[in-house]
Amino acid sequence: MTATRIDASKLAQNSEPFSFNDQQKNSLFAQLKQQRGILSQTDISSLCQQFQVSQLELLKACVPVASLFSVAPISKFYVGAIAVGLNEQGETNFYFGANVEFSHQALSLVVHAEQSAINNAWLNGAQAVQRIAISDAPCGYCRQFMNELSTADSLEILLPERDFNLHELLPYSFGPKDLGNDACLFSHKQSDKQFADLTIDDAKLIQLALNAYVPYTGNFSAVKLSTFTEGDFYGSYAENAAYSPSLSPLQSALSQFYLAGLSFDDKTVKSITLLETQGAENQYEVAKSVLASFANPPAFEHYIAKLSNA
């Protein structure tokens, strides 16, 4: 895909620290919508060369662009975050995220910007998150969500005015090991499970469900959100030792959907498919409550499958 080039000649002079002007932000925002909220190593190197800045300077300058993805009809507080992660080839990518709110729905359905960025990295093959840059200080909910990461002990949190490591912001933390869980989000442990007698024919949805991070409930679960013209968006279930900061598969998929710059309405969303594990299912009511916000709700399919060892 051809990236939208930002005109370096428009760079504000004598700006300290480095930042994009409005035209540059909008150009980068347009590029990111096409790339579903990801800047590759090639993109990063090109922008660093174009503007003669370091990767760290570029990262911090991109945070206000991440905030442009925010959907906040309730709070009107627009938060952006960027997770810096390594892909399977060992290349550094920027994974963008922003907060997502739903009018007339429970506040517990909100997706926080940090969750959105980490989810973006997780679903798109990042092997680990090294640092995360955020437009505002992370709330306790997000600090707890980040504490589930495989890199929690070394995770850097970059804020506009000051940088921290996670444990400075979350001392005496409660995490996976406190519940006897040796795995972590991004630990990439291979599951030996398979679904038996499954009637759905969607290999990606099935694999994402089997790759879900569900050490506390065992509900291997995923969602596919299909649109009329913009393709499909997927989400996977990511649980948390403190339970409440868990990210449902529908929240996961919706976050990806919004990173393409789309609107969640009946003219865009065609259908939603939910796959859950028999005996552990717990996501049906969450999905239905979101769909209730539609004047003309999309088609909804719910599959429950039994797990078996491979």
C-alpha atoms as a PDB file:
ATOM      1  CA  MET A   1       0.000   0.000   0.000  1.00  0.00           C
ATOM      2  CA  THR A   2       1.336   3.431  -0.906  1.00  0.00           C
ATOM      3  CA  ALA A   3       1.709   5.609   2.165  1.00  0.00           C
ATOM      4  CA  THR A   4       0.480   9.200   2.176  1.00  0.00           C
ATOM      5  CA  ARG A   5       3.561  11.423   2.169  1.00  0.00           C
ATOM      6  CA  ILE A   6       3.689  14.231   4.681  1.00  0.00           C
ATOM      7  CA  ASP A   7       5.183  17.460   3.381  1.00  0.00           C
ATOM      8  CA  ALA A   8       8.309  18.079   5.465  1.00  0.00           C
ATOM      9  CA  SER A   9       8.512  21.644   4.187  1.00  0.00           C
ATOM     10  CA  LYS A  10       5.446  22.399   6.309  1.00  0.00           C
ATOM     11  CA  LEU A  11       7.244  21.427   9.513  1.00  0.00           C
ATOM     12  CA  ALA A  12       6.888  24.126  12.129  1.00  0.00           C
ATOM     13  CA  GLN A  13      10.147  25.950  12.609  1.00  0.00           C
ATOM     14  CA  ASN A  14      11.969  26.056  15.951  1.00  0.00           C
ATOM     15  CA  SER A  15       9.410  23.706  17.478  1.00  0.00           C
ATOM     16  CA  GLU A  16      10.544  22.110  20.732  1.00  0.00           C
ATOM     17  CA  PRO A  17       9.804  19.300  21.232  1.00  0.00           C
ATOM     18  CA  PHE A  18       9.138  18.060  17.727  1.00  0.00           C
ATOM     19  CA  SER A  19       5.459  18.040  16.724  1.00  0.00           C
ATOM     20  CA  PHE A  20       3.345  17.819  13.586  1.00  0.00           C
ATOM     21  CA  ASN A  21       1.280  20.748  12.394  1.00  0.00           C
ATOM     22  CA  ASP A  22      -2.436  20.209  11.684  1.00  0.00           C
ATOM     23  CA  GLN A  23      -1.946  19.386   8.008  1.00  0.00           C
ATOM     24  CA  GLN A  24       0.723  16.817   8.815  1.00  0.00           C
ATOM     25  CA  LYS A  25      -1.455  15.261  11.525  1.00  0.00           C
ATOM     26  CA  ASN A  26      -4.351  14.902   9.109  1.00  0.00           C
ATOM     27  CA  SER A  27      -2.134  13.370   6.433  1.00  0.00           C
ATOM     28  CA  LEU A  28      -0.710  10.834   8.869  1.00  0.00           C
ATOM     29  CA  PHE A  29      -4.201  10.128  10.210  1.00  0.00           C
ATOM     30  CA  ALA A  30      -5.391   9.338   6.679  1.00  0.00           C
ATOM     31  CA  GLN A  31      -2.448   6.972   6.176  1.00  0.00           C
ATOM     32  CA  LEU A  32      -3.099   5.239   9.489  1.00  0.00           C
ATOM     33  CA  LYS A  33      -6.760   4.643   8.690  1.00  0.00           C
ATOM     34  CA  GLN A  34      -5.695   2.843   5.519  1.00  0.00           C
ATOM     35  CA  GLN A  35      -3.202   0.769   7.534  1.00  0.00           C
ATOM     36  CA  ARG A  36      -5.642   0.084  10.389  1.00  0.00           C
ATOM     37  CA  GLY A  37      -3.632   1.908  13.010  1.00  0.00           C
ATOM     38  CA  ILE A  38      -0.138   0.525  12.412  1.00  0.00           C
ATOM     39  CA  LEU A  39       3.126   2.157  11.354  1.00  0.00           C
ATOM     40  CA  SER A  40       5.661  -0.416  10.197  1.00  0.00           C
ATOM     41  CA  GLN A  41       9.416  -0.222  10.687  1.00  0.00           C
ATOM     42  CA  THR A  42       9.675   1.018   7.094  1.00  0.00           C
ATOM     43  CA  ASP A  43       7.115   3.769   7.783  1.00  0.00           C
ATOM     44  CA  ILE A  44       8.901   4.768  10.982  1.00  0.00           C
ATOM     45  CA  SER A  45      12.322   4.929   9.322  1.00  0.00           C
ATOM     46  CA  SER A  46      10.925   6.964   6.441  1.00  0.00           C
ATOM     47  CA  LEU A  47       9.274   9.502   8.758  1.00  0.00           C
ATOM     48  CA  CYS A  48      12.370   9.783  10.943  1.00  0.00           C
ATOM     49  CA  GLN A  49      14.473  10.497   7.860  1.00  0.00           C
ATOM     50  CA  GLN A  50      11.928  12.894   6.419  1.00  0.00           C
ATOM     51  CA  PHE A  51      11.732  15.025   9.543  1.00  0.00           C
ATOM     52  CA  GLN A  52      15.263  14.398  10.824  1.00  0.00           C
ATOM     53  CA  VAL A  53      14.075  13.145  14.196  1.00  0.00           C
ATOM     54  CA  SER A  54      14.794  10.129  16.384  1.00  0.00           C
ATOM     55  CA  GLN A  55      12.364   7.252  16.751  1.00  0.00           C
ATOM     56  CA  LEU A  56      11.532   8.435  20.268  1.00  0.00           C
ATOM     57  CA  GLU A  57      10.807  11.973  19.066  1.00  0.00           C
ATOM     58  CA  LEU A  58       8.590  10.591  16.312  1.00  0.00           C
ATOM     59  CA  LEU A  59       6.755   8.342  18.764  1.00  0.00           C
ATOM     60  CA  LYS A  60       5.833  11.206  21.052  1.00  0.00           C
ATOM     61  CA  ALA A  61       4.805  13.388  18.104  1.00  0.00           C
ATOM     62  CA  CYS A  62       2.459  10.629  16.917  1.00  0.00           C
ATOM     63  CA  VAL A  63       0.488  10.450  20.175  1.00  0.00           C
ATOM     64  CA  PRO A  64      -1.818  13.407  19.309  1.00  0.00           C
ATOM     65  CA  VAL A  65      -2.544  11.638  16.017  1.00  0.00           C
ATOM     66  CA  ALA A  66      -3.582   8.540  17.972  1.00  0.00           C
ATOM     67  CA  SER A  67      -6.064  10.714  19.872  1.00  0.00           C
ATOM     68  CA  LEU A  68      -7.827  11.500  16.577  1.00  0.00           C
ATOM     69  CA  PHE A  69      -9.154   7.911  16.586  1.00  0.00           C
ATOM     70  CA  SER A  70     -10.924   8.497  19.905  1.00  0.00           C
ATOM     71  CA  VAL A  71     -14.696   8.000  20.067  1.00  0.00           C
ATOM     72  CA  ALA A  72     -15.824   9.633  23.315  1.00  0.00           C
ATOM     73  CA  PRO A  73     -19.471  10.768  23.165  1.00  0.00           C
ATOM     74  CA  ILE A  74     -19.847  10.512  26.944  1.00  0.00           C
ATOM     75  CA  SER A  75     -16.659  11.940  28.456  1.00  0.00           C
ATOM     76  CA  LYS A  76     -15.565  14.153  25.549  1.00  0.00           C
ATOM     77  CA  PHE A  77     -12.061  13.214  26.758  1.00  0.00           C
ATOM     78  CA  TYR A  78      -9.971  12.051  23.804  1.00  0.00           C
ATOM     79  CA  VAL A  79      -7.096   9.769  24.727  1.00  0.00           C
ATOM     80  CA  GLY A  80      -4.468   8.343  22.384  1.00  0.00           C
ATOM     81  CA  ALA A  81      -1.850   5.674  22.989  1.00  0.00           C
ATOM     82  CA  ILE A  82       0.852   3.938  20.956  1.00  0.00           C
ATOM     83  CA  ALA A  83       2.308   0.559  21.891  1.00  0.00           C
ATOM     84  CA  VAL A  84       5.832  -0.046  20.605  1.00  0.00           C
ATOM     85  CA  GLY A  85       6.319  -3.703  19.821  1.00  0.00           C
ATOM     86  CA  LEU A  86       8.467  -6.137  17.885  1.00  0.00           C
ATOM     87  CA  ASN A  87       6.853  -8.198  15.152  1.00  0.00           C
ATOM     88  CA  GLU A  88       7.789 -11.776  14.270  1.00  0.00           C
ATOM     89  CA  GLN A  89      10.640 -10.507  12.072  1.00  0.00           C
ATOM     90  CA  GLY A  90      12.122  -8.534  14.980  1.00  0.00           C
ATOM     91  CA  GLU A  91      11.093  -5.202  13.461  1.00  0.00           C
ATOM     92  CA  THR A  92       9.744  -2.334  15.555  1.00  0.00           C
ATOM     93  CA  ASN A  93       6.182  -1.254  14.808  1.00  0.00           C
ATOM     94  CA  PHE A  94       3.983   1.478  16.270  1.00  0.00           C
ATOM     95  CA  TYR A  95       0.523   0.124  17.188  1.00  0.00           C
ATOM     96  CA  PHE A  96      -1.976   2.939  17.673  1.00  0.00           C
ATOM     97  CA  GLY A  97      -4.970   2.955  19.989  1.00  0.00           C
ATOM     98  CA  ALA A  98      -7.639   5.290  21.362  1.00  0.00           C
ATOM     99  CA  ASN A  99     -10.518   5.200  23.823  1.00  0.00           C
ATOM    100  CA  VAL A 100     -13.933   4.067  22.604  1.00  0.00           C
ATOM    101  CA  GLU A 101     -17.224   4.826  24.372  1.00  0.00           C
ATOM    102  CA  PHE A 102     -20.807   3.772  23.590  1.00  0.00           C
ATOM    103  CA  SER A 103     -23.760   6.079  24.161  1.00  0.00           C
ATOM    104  CA  HIS A 104     -26.628   4.632  26.214  1.00  0.00           C
ATOM    105  CA  GLN A 105     -24.581   1.571  27.170  1.00  0.00           C
ATOM    106  CA  ALA A 106     -22.908   0.514  30.407  1.00  0.00           C
ATOM    107  CA  LEU A 107     -19.639   2.326  31.063  1.00  0.00           C
ATOM    108  CA  SER A 108     -18.014  -1.078  31.590  1.00  0.00           C
ATOM    109  CA  LEU A 109     -18.109  -1.537  27.800  1.00  0.00           C
ATOM    110  CA  VAL A 110     -15.647   1.338  27.300  1.00  0.00           C
ATOM    111  CA  VAL A 111     -12.325   0.472  25.656  1.00  0.00           C
ATOM    112  CA  HIS A 112      -9.415   2.434  27.134  1.00  0.00           C
ATOM    113  CA  ALA A 113      -6.715   3.813  24.837  1.00  0.00           C
ATOM    114  CA  GLU A 114      -3.984   1.691  26.407  1.00  0.00           C
ATOM    115  CA  GLN A 115      -6.113  -1.430  25.947  1.00  0.00           C
ATOM    116  CA  SER A 116      -6.767  -0.455  22.338  1.00  0.00           C
ATOM    117  CA  ALA A 117      -3.070  -0.024  21.505  1.00  0.00           C
ATOM    118  CA  ILE A 118      -2.023  -3.236  23.265  1.00  0.00           C
ATOM    119  CA  ASN A 119      -4.875  -5.139  21.638  1.00  0.00           C
ATOM    120  CA  ASN A 120      -3.787  -3.792  18.242  1.00  0.00           C
ATOM    121  CA  ALA A 121      -0.274  -5.095  18.829  1.00  0.00           C
ATOM    122  CA  TRP A 122      -1.512  -8.461  20.141  1.00  0.00           C
ATOM    123  CA  LEU A 123      -3.907  -9.168  17.280  1.00  0.00           C
ATOM    124  CA  ASN A 124      -1.354  -8.163  14.663  1.00  0.00           C
ATOM    125  CA  GLY A 125       1.467 -10.468  15.669  1.00  0.00           C
ATOM    126  CA  ALA A 126       3.618  -8.396  18.010  1.00  0.00           C
ATOM    127  CA  GLN A 127       5.830 -10.609  20.126  1.00  0.00           C
ATOM    128  CA  ALA A 128       6.101  -8.153  23.015  1.00  0.00           C
ATOM    129  CA  VAL A 129       5.303  -4.563  23.967  1.00  0.00           C
ATOM    130  CA  GLN A 130       8.420  -2.701  25.059  1.00  0.00           C
ATOM    131  CA  ARG A 131       6.939   0.695  25.828  1.00  0.00           C
ATOM    132  CA  ILE A 132       3.709   2.623  25.487  1.00  0.00           C
ATOM    133  CA  ALA A 133       3.313   6.347  24.850  1.00  0.00           C
ATOM    134  CA  ILE A 134       0.083   7.902  26.121  1.00  0.00           C
ATOM    135  CA  SER A 135      -1.491  11.345  25.839  1.00  0.00           C
ATOM    136  CA  ASP A 136      -2.544  11.329  29.505  1.00  0.00           C
ATOM    137  CA  ALA A 137      -1.570   9.488  32.682  1.00  0.00           C
ATOM    138  CA  PRO A 138      -3.045   5.967  32.707  1.00  0.00           C
ATOM    139  CA  CYS A 139      -5.909   5.290  35.106  1.00  0.00           C
ATOM    140  CA  GLY A 140      -5.672   2.473  37.641  1.00  0.00           C
ATOM    141  CA  TYR A 141      -7.739   0.216  35.397  1.00  0.00           C
ATOM    142  CA  CYS A 142      -5.176   0.539  32.601  1.00  0.00           C
ATOM    143  CA  ARG A 143      -2.212   0.131  34.922  1.00  0.00           C
ATOM    144  CA  GLN A 144      -3.766  -3.160  36.011  1.00  0.00           C
ATOM    145  CA  PHE A 145      -4.401  -4.200  32.394  1.00  0.00           C
ATOM    146  CA  MET A 146      -0.753  -3.516  31.518  1.00  0.00           C
ATOM    147  CA  ASN A 147       0.366  -5.531  34.540  1.00  0.00           C
ATOM    148  CA  GLU A 148      -0.828  -8.669  32.717  1.00  0.00           C
ATOM    149  CA  LEU A 149       1.800  -8.202  29.989  1.00  0.00           C
ATOM    150  CA  SER A 150       4.826 -10.442  29.663  1.00  0.00           C
ATOM    151  CA  THR A 151       6.958  -7.270  29.812  1.00  0.00           C
ATOM    152  CA  ALA A 152       5.256  -5.766  32.895  1.00  0.00           C
ATOM    153  CA  ASP A 153       8.506  -5.744  34.891  1.00  0.00           C
ATOM    154  CA  SER A 154      10.308  -3.627  32.287  1.00  0.00           C
ATOM    155  CA  LEU A 155       7.451  -1.762  30.560  1.00  0.00           C
ATOM    156  CA  GLU A 156       8.166   1.924  29.935  1.00  0.00           C
ATOM    157  CA  ILE A 157       5.282   4.403  30.056  1.00  0.00           C
ATOM    158  CA  LEU A 158       5.954   7.635  28.193  1.00  0.00           C
ATOM    159  CA  LEU A 159       3.797  10.654  29.041  1.00  0.00           C
ATOM    160  CA  PRO A 160       3.998  14.153  27.527  1.00  0.00           C
ATOM    161  CA  GLU A 161       5.861  15.623  30.490  1.00  0.00           C
ATOM    162  CA  ARG A 162       7.543  12.652  32.147  1.00  0.00           C
ATOM    163  CA  ASP A 163       8.387   8.977  31.667  1.00  0.00           C
ATOM    164  CA  PHE A 164       7.922   6.106  34.107  1.00  0.00           C
ATOM    165  CA  ASN A 165       8.165   2.367  34.328  1.00  0.00           C
ATOM    166  CA  LEU A 166       4.952   0.519  35.135  1.00  0.00           C
ATOM    167  CA  HIS A 167       5.901  -0.487  38.665  1.00  0.00           C
ATOM    168  CA  GLU A 168       6.525   3.148  39.619  1.00  0.00           C
ATOM    169  CA  LEU A 169       2.845   3.731  38.825  1.00  0.00           C
ATOM    170  CA  LEU A 170       1.629   0.401  40.221  1.00  0.00           C
ATOM    171  CA  PRO A 171       3.591  -0.477  43.371  1.00  0.00           C
ATOM    172  CA  TYR A 172       2.690  -3.622  45.325  1.00  0.00           C
ATOM    173  CA  SER A 173       0.847  -4.881  42.271  1.00  0.00           C
ATOM    174  CA  PHE A 174      -1.503  -7.851  41.927  1.00  0.00           C
ATOM    175  CA  GLY A 175      -0.929  -9.957  38.842  1.00  0.00           C
ATOM    176  CA  PRO A 176      -1.102 -13.351  37.159  1.00  0.00           C
ATOM    177  CA  LYS A 177       1.306 -15.089  39.525  1.00  0.00           C
ATOM    178  CA  ASP A 178      -0.892 -14.172  42.501  1.00  0.00           C
ATOM    179  CA  LEU A 179      -3.544 -16.439  40.990  1.00  0.00           C
ATOM    180  CA  GLY A 180      -1.075 -19.178  40.133  1.00  0.00           C
ATOM    181  CA  ASN A 181      -1.010 -18.263  36.433  1.00  0.00           C
ATOM    182  CA  ASP A 182       2.404 -18.825  34.855  1.00  0.00           C
ATOM    183  CA  ALA A 183       1.280 -17.374  31.508  1.00  0.00           C
ATOM    184  CA  CYS A 184       1.062 -13.688  30.599  1.00  0.00           C
ATOM    185  CA  LEU A 185      -0.484 -11.718  27.778  1.00  0.00           C
ATOM    186  CA  PHE A 186       2.096 -12.002  24.945  1.00  0.00           C
ATOM    187  CA  SER A 187       3.759 -15.055  26.499  1.00  0.00           C
ATOM    188  CA  HIS A 188       2.802 -16.891  23.277  1.00  0.00           C
ATOM    189  CA  LYS A 189       2.241 -20.278  24.843  1.00  0.00           C
ATOM    190  CA  GLN A 190       0.792 -22.650  22.271  1.00  0.00           C
ATOM    191  CA  SER A 191      -2.586 -24.140  23.112  1.00  0.00           C
ATOM    192  CA  ASP A 192      -3.089 -27.866  22.617  1.00  0.00           C
ATOM    193  CA  LYS A 193      -6.847 -27.347  22.286  1.00  0.00           C
ATOM    194  CA  GLN A 194      -9.081 -27.656  19.255  1.00  0.00           C
ATOM    195  CA  PHE A 195     -12.809 -27.198  18.731  1.00  0.00           C
ATOM    196  CA  ALA A 196     -14.799 -30.361  18.081  1.00  0.00           C
ATOM    197  CA  ASP A 197     -17.883 -30.635  15.845  1.00  0.00           C
ATOM    198  CA  LEU A 198     -17.704 -26.960  14.851  1.00  0.00           C
ATOM    199  CA  THR A 199     -20.121 -25.924  12.098  1.00  0.00           C
ATOM    200  CA  ILE A 200     -18.657 -22.482  11.399  1.00  0.00           C
ATOM    201  CA  ASP A 201     -16.278 -22.150   8.427  1.00  0.00           C
ATOM    202  CA  ASP A 202     -13.966 -19.265   9.305  1.00  0.00           C
ATOM    203  CA  ALA A 203     -10.377 -20.338   9.934  1.00  0.00           C
ATOM    204  CA  LYS A 204      -9.256 -16.937  11.232  1.00  0.00           C
ATOM    205  CA  LEU A 205     -12.098 -16.653  13.742  1.00  0.00           C
ATOM    206  CA  ILE A 206     -11.426 -20.184  14.998  1.00  0.00           C
ATOM    207  CA  GLN A 207      -7.687 -19.578  15.353  1.00  0.00           C
ATOM    208  CA  LEU A 208      -8.188 -16.274  17.171  1.00  0.00           C
ATOM    209  CA  ALA A 209     -10.562 -17.970  19.594  1.00  0.00           C
ATOM    210  CA  LEU A 210      -8.010 -20.726  20.266  1.00  0.00           C
ATOM    211  CA  ASN A 211      -5.326 -18.037  20.747  1.00  0.00           C
ATOM    212  CA  ALA A 212      -7.429 -16.115  23.275  1.00  0.00           C
ATOM    213  CA  TYR A 213      -5.759 -15.332  26.593  1.00  0.00           C
ATOM    214  CA  VAL A 214      -8.248 -16.920  28.985  1.00  0.00           C
ATOM    215  CA  PRO A 215      -6.381 -18.427  31.958  1.00  0.00           C
ATOM    216  CA  TYR A 216      -9.139 -17.551  34.429  1.00  0.00           C
ATOM    217  CA  THR A 217     -12.371 -18.726  32.729  1.00  0.00           C
ATOM    218  CA  GLY A 218     -11.203 -20.961  29.891  1.00  0.00           C
ATOM    219  CA  ASN A 219     -13.686 -19.330  27.497  1.00  0.00           C
ATOM    220  CA  PHE A 220     -11.663 -19.462  24.284  1.00  0.00           C
ATOM    221  CA  SER A 221     -13.642 -16.847  22.425  1.00  0.00           C
ATOM    222  CA  ALA A 222     -13.443 -14.500  19.446  1.00  0.00           C
ATOM    223  CA  VAL A 223     -15.617 -12.156  17.408  1.00  0.00           C
ATOM    224  CA  LYS A 224     -15.819 -11.305  13.724  1.00  0.00           C
ATOM    225  CA  LEU A 225     -17.332  -7.956  12.801  1.00  0.00           C
ATOM    226  CA  SER A 226     -18.258  -7.888   9.108  1.00  0.00           C
ATOM    227  CA  THR A 227     -18.936  -4.678   7.193  1.00  0.00           C
ATOM    228  CA  PHE A 228     -20.728  -4.111   3.912  1.00  0.00           C
ATOM    229  CA  THR A 229     -17.769  -2.602   2.071  1.00  0.00           C
ATOM    230  CA  GLU A 230     -14.709  -2.429   4.372  1.00  0.00           C
ATOM    231  CA  GLY A 231     -13.984  -6.091   5.044  1.00  0.00           C
ATOM    232  CA  ASP A 232     -13.890  -7.958   8.335  1.00  0.00           C
ATOM    233  CA  PHE A 233     -12.517  -7.038  11.761  1.00  0.00           C
ATOM    234  CA  TYR A 234     -11.649  -9.604  14.393  1.00  0.00           C
ATOM    235  CA  GLY A 235     -11.243  -9.587  18.148  1.00  0.00           C
ATOM    236  CA  SER A 236     -10.059 -12.056  20.758  1.00  0.00           C
ATOM    237  CA  TYR A 237     -10.723 -12.382  24.491  1.00  0.00           C
ATOM    238  CA  ALA A 238      -7.950 -11.098  26.827  1.00  0.00           C
ATOM    239  CA  GLU A 239      -8.527 -11.679  30.547  1.00  0.00           C
ATOM    240  CA  ASN A 240      -6.949 -10.026  33.567  1.00  0.00           C
ATOM    241  CA  ALA A 241      -6.037 -11.234  37.036  1.00  0.00           C
ATOM    242  CA  ALA A 242      -8.199  -8.458  38.504  1.00  0.00           C
ATOM    243  CA  TYR A 243     -11.060  -9.581  36.214  1.00  0.00           C
ATOM    244  CA  SER A 244     -12.663  -6.156  35.563  1.00  0.00           C
ATOM    245  CA  PRO A 245      -9.925  -4.895  33.189  1.00  0.00           C
ATOM    246  CA  SER A 246     -10.473  -7.925  30.932  1.00  0.00           C
ATOM    247  CA  LEU A 247     -11.067  -7.032  27.272  1.00  0.00           C
ATOM    248  CA  SER A 248     -14.017  -8.862  25.722  1.00  0.00           C
ATOM    249  CA  PRO A 249     -13.716 -10.216  22.170  1.00  0.00           C
ATOM    250  CA  LEU A 250     -16.344  -7.739  20.967  1.00  0.00           C
ATOM    251  CA  GLN A 251     -14.474  -4.809  22.531  1.00  0.00           C
ATOM    252  CA  SER A 252     -11.327  -6.139  20.878  1.00  0.00           C
ATOM    253  CA  ALA A 253     -12.974  -6.259  17.438  1.00  0.00           C
ATOM    254  CA  LEU A 254     -14.656  -2.870  17.821  1.00  0.00           C
ATOM    255  CA  SER A 255     -11.361  -1.259  18.746  1.00  0.00           C
ATOM    256  CA  GLN A 256      -9.847  -2.565  15.509  1.00  0.00           C
ATOM    257  CA  PHE A 257     -12.896  -1.353  13.603  1.00  0.00           C
ATOM    258  CA  TYR A 258     -12.508   2.197  14.889  1.00  0.00           C
ATOM    259  CA  LEU A 259      -8.799   2.216  14.027  1.00  0.00           C
ATOM    260  CA  ALA A 260      -9.904   2.050  10.394  1.00  0.00           C
ATOM    261  CA  GLY A 261     -11.785   5.312  10.918  1.00  0.00           C
ATOM    262  CA  LEU A 262     -15.227   3.744  10.462  1.00  0.00           C
ATOM    263  CA  SER A 263     -18.577   4.557  12.090  1.00  0.00           C
ATOM    264  CA  PHE A 264     -20.455   1.931  14.070  1.00  0.00           C
ATOM    265  CA  ASP A 265     -23.904   2.119  12.469  1.00  0.00           C
ATOM    266  CA  ASP A 266     -26.311  -0.017  10.484  1.00  0.00           C
ATOM    267  CA  LYS A 267     -25.063   1.383   7.186  1.00  0.00           C
ATOM    268  CA  THR A 268     -21.561   0.113   7.872  1.00  0.00           C
ATOM    269  CA  VAL A 269     -21.810  -2.996  10.050  1.00  0.00           C
ATOM    270  CA  LYS A 270     -23.297  -6.013   8.312  1.00  0.00           C
ATOM    271  CA  SER A 271     -23.053  -8.734  10.955  1.00  0.00           C
ATOM    272  CA  ILE A 272     -21.343  -9.892  14.117  1.00  0.00           C
ATOM    273  CA  THR A 273     -20.299 -13.478  14.803  1.00  0.00           C
ATOM    274  CA  LEU A 274     -19.417 -14.660  18.298  1.00  0.00           C
ATOM    275  CA  LEU A 275     -17.647 -17.958  18.974  1.00  0.00           C
ATOM    276  CA  GLU A 276     -17.412 -19.256  22.564  1.00  0.00           C
ATOM    277  CA  THR A 277     -16.371 -22.367  24.456  1.00  0.00           C
ATOM    278  CA  GLN A 278     -19.074 -24.713  25.669  1.00  0.00           C
ATOM    279  CA  GLY A 279     -19.412 -24.711  29.444  1.00  0.00           C
ATOM    280  CA  ALA A 280     -17.466 -21.444  29.850  1.00  0.00           C
ATOM    281  CA  GLU A 281     -19.507 -19.040  27.707  1.00  0.00           C
ATOM    282  CA  ASN A 282     -19.953 -15.542  29.189  1.00  0.00           C
ATOM    283  CA  GLN A 283     -19.926 -13.084  26.270  1.00  0.00           C
ATOM    284  CA  TYR A 284     -23.405 -13.347  24.755  1.00  0.00           C
ATOM    285  CA  GLU A 285     -25.049 -10.648  26.892  1.00  0.00           C
ATOM    286  CA  VAL A 286     -22.123  -8.269  26.340  1.00  0.00           C
ATOM    287  CA  ALA A 287     -22.514  -8.606  22.582  1.00  0.00           C
ATOM    288  CA  LYS A 288     -26.290  -8.236  22.670  1.00  0.00           C
ATOM    289  CA  SER A 289     -26.118  -5.101  24.807  1.00  0.00           C
ATOM    290  CA  VAL A 290     -23.885  -3.377  22.249  1.00  0.00           C
ATOM    291  CA  LEU A 291     -26.129  -4.458  19.395  1.00  0.00           C
ATOM    292  CA  ALA A 292     -29.107  -2.994  21.243  1.00  0.00           C
ATOM    293  CA  SER A 293     -27.758   0.465  20.431  1.00  0.00           C
ATOM    294  CA  PHE A 294     -28.576  -0.063  16.745  1.00  0.00           C
ATOM    295  CA  ALA A 295     -31.860   1.274  15.379  1.00  0.00           C
ATOM    296  CA  ASN A 296     -31.664  -1.595  12.894  1.00  0.00           C
ATOM    297  CA  PRO A 297     -29.302  -4.120  14.482  1.00  0.00           C
ATOM    298  CA  PRO A 298     -27.062  -6.208  12.228  1.00  0.00           C
ATOM    299  CA  ALA A 299     -27.329  -9.955  11.905  1.00  0.00           C
ATOM    300  CA  PHE A 300     -25.931 -11.759  14.930  1.00  0.00           C
ATOM    301  CA  GLU A 301     -24.636 -15.318  14.953  1.00  0.00           C
ATOM    302  CA  HIS A 302     -23.622 -17.115  18.148  1.00  0.00           C
ATOM    303  CA  TYR A 303     -21.641 -20.355  18.051  1.00  0.00           C
ATOM    304  CA  ILE A 304     -20.769 -22.505  21.042  1.00  0.00           C
ATOM    305  CA  ALA A 305     -18.215 -25.260  20.537  1.00  0.00           C
ATOM    306  CA  LYS A 306     -16.729 -27.992  22.693  1.00  0.00           C
ATOM    307  CA  LEU A 307     -12.992 -28.083  23.247  1.00  0.00           C
ATOM    308  CA  SER A 308     -10.876 -31.162  22.735  1.00  0.00           C
ATOM    309  CA  ASN A 309      -7.147 -31.848  22.953  1.00  0.00           C
ATOM    310  CA  ALA A 310      -5.325 -31.713  19.622  1.00  0.00           C
END
